[in-house]
Amino acid sequence: MLAPTVATPDPMDPERRLELTVTSGAEGVGLAAIAVPFVSSLGPSERARALGGTEEVTLRAIQPGDGPWNGVASWCSFSSARKT
């Protein structure tokens, strides 16, 4: 004897497909609404852009505690004439 068949929903049901599309679109809009301000906050501020770009400083002549950047976050990268 055969087992009774159970009616399964059509996987391509237009109503479900519309709901899925609308939900996915809303998730995309929400993700963009969160991501855009976050990513834009990673860039330099208007004040930093107005001050200019990088500044070259010879660190050999500077003693600890000297310099115009005291109390300000600063990054140093090693550079030489042979750097390629």
Protein backbone atom coordinates (compact mmCIF):
# COMPACT_ATOMS: atom_id res chain seq x y z
CA MET A 1 0.00 0.00 0.00
CA LEU A 2 1.26 3.52 -0.83
CA ALA A 3 1.79 6.14 1.82
CA PRO A 4 -0.66 9.02 1.73
CA THR A 5 0.71 12.06 -0.05
CA VAL A 6 1.00 15.36 1.75
CA ALA A 7 0.40 18.55 -0.14
CA THR A 8 3.58 20.64 -0.13
CA PRO A 9 3.59 24.32 -0.94
CA ASP A 10 4.81 25.26 -4.37
CA PRO A 11 8.44 26.46 -4.01
CA MET A 12 7.80 29.15 -6.60
CA ASP A 13 4.69 30.53 -4.89
CA PRO A 14 4.42 34.13 -6.16
CA GLU A 15 3.18 35.48 -2.82
CA ARG A 16 6.11 33.98 -0.89
CA ARG A 17 8.52 35.17 -3.55
CA LEU A 18 7.19 38.74 -3.21
CA GLU A 19 7.56 38.59 0.58
CA LEU A 20 11.12 37.33 0.21
CA THR A 21 11.97 40.10 -2.24
CA VAL A 22 10.48 42.83 -0.06
CA THR A 23 12.22 41.49 3.05
CA SER A 24 15.57 41.25 1.28
CA GLY A 25 15.20 44.78 -0.02
CA ALA A 26 14.41 46.11 3.45
CA GLU A 27 17.48 44.32 4.84
CA GLY A 28 19.64 45.87 2.13
CA VAL A 29 18.36 49.36 2.90
CA GLY A 30 18.94 48.81 6.63
CA LEU A 31 22.46 47.55 6.05
CA ALA A 32 23.30 50.56 3.89
CA ALA A 33 21.79 52.92 6.47
CA ILE A 34 24.12 51.47 9.09
CA ALA A 35 27.22 51.00 6.94
CA VAL A 36 27.43 54.43 5.28
CA PRO A 37 27.90 56.50 8.47
CA PHE A 38 30.26 53.91 9.92
CA VAL A 39 32.51 53.82 6.85
CA SER A 40 32.50 57.60 6.48
CA SER A 41 33.60 57.99 10.11
CA LEU A 42 36.80 56.06 9.35
CA GLY A 43 38.14 58.87 7.16
CA PRO A 44 39.98 61.96 8.41
CA SER A 45 37.96 64.83 9.81
CA GLU A 46 37.49 68.15 8.01
CA ARG A 47 39.97 69.71 10.42
CA ALA A 48 42.60 67.10 9.60
CA ARG A 49 42.04 67.58 5.87
CA ALA A 50 42.42 71.35 6.25
CA LEU A 51 45.74 70.91 8.07
CA GLY A 52 47.20 68.92 5.23
CA GLY A 53 48.68 65.50 4.71
CA THR A 54 51.68 63.83 6.17
CA GLU A 55 54.55 65.66 7.77
CA GLU A 56 58.18 64.58 7.67
CA VAL A 57 60.10 64.94 10.93
CA THR A 58 63.66 63.92 11.83
CA LEU A 59 63.24 62.02 15.07
CA ARG A 60 66.95 61.90 16.05
CA ALA A 61 66.99 65.49 17.34
CA ILE A 62 63.75 65.21 19.31
CA GLN A 63 63.81 64.33 23.00
CA PRO A 64 60.91 62.59 24.77
CA GLY A 65 58.28 65.18 25.66
CA ASP A 66 59.29 67.62 22.90
CA GLY A 67 57.35 68.23 19.74
CA PRO A 68 54.12 69.82 18.59
CA TRP A 69 52.15 66.59 18.82
CA ASN A 70 52.19 66.09 22.60
CA GLY A 71 48.81 64.76 23.67
CA VAL A 72 47.80 64.08 20.07
CA ALA A 73 47.72 60.64 18.51
CA SER A 74 50.49 60.31 15.96
CA TRP A 75 51.97 57.51 13.88
CA CYS A 76 55.53 57.15 12.69
CA SER A 77 56.65 55.08 9.76
CA PHE A 78 60.27 54.32 8.98
CA SER A 79 61.45 55.66 5.68
CA SER A 80 64.86 55.77 4.06
CA ALA A 81 66.36 56.84 0.76
CA ARG A 82 66.67 53.17 -0.26
CA LYS A 83 63.01 52.40 0.32
CA THR A 84 61.41 51.00 -2.80
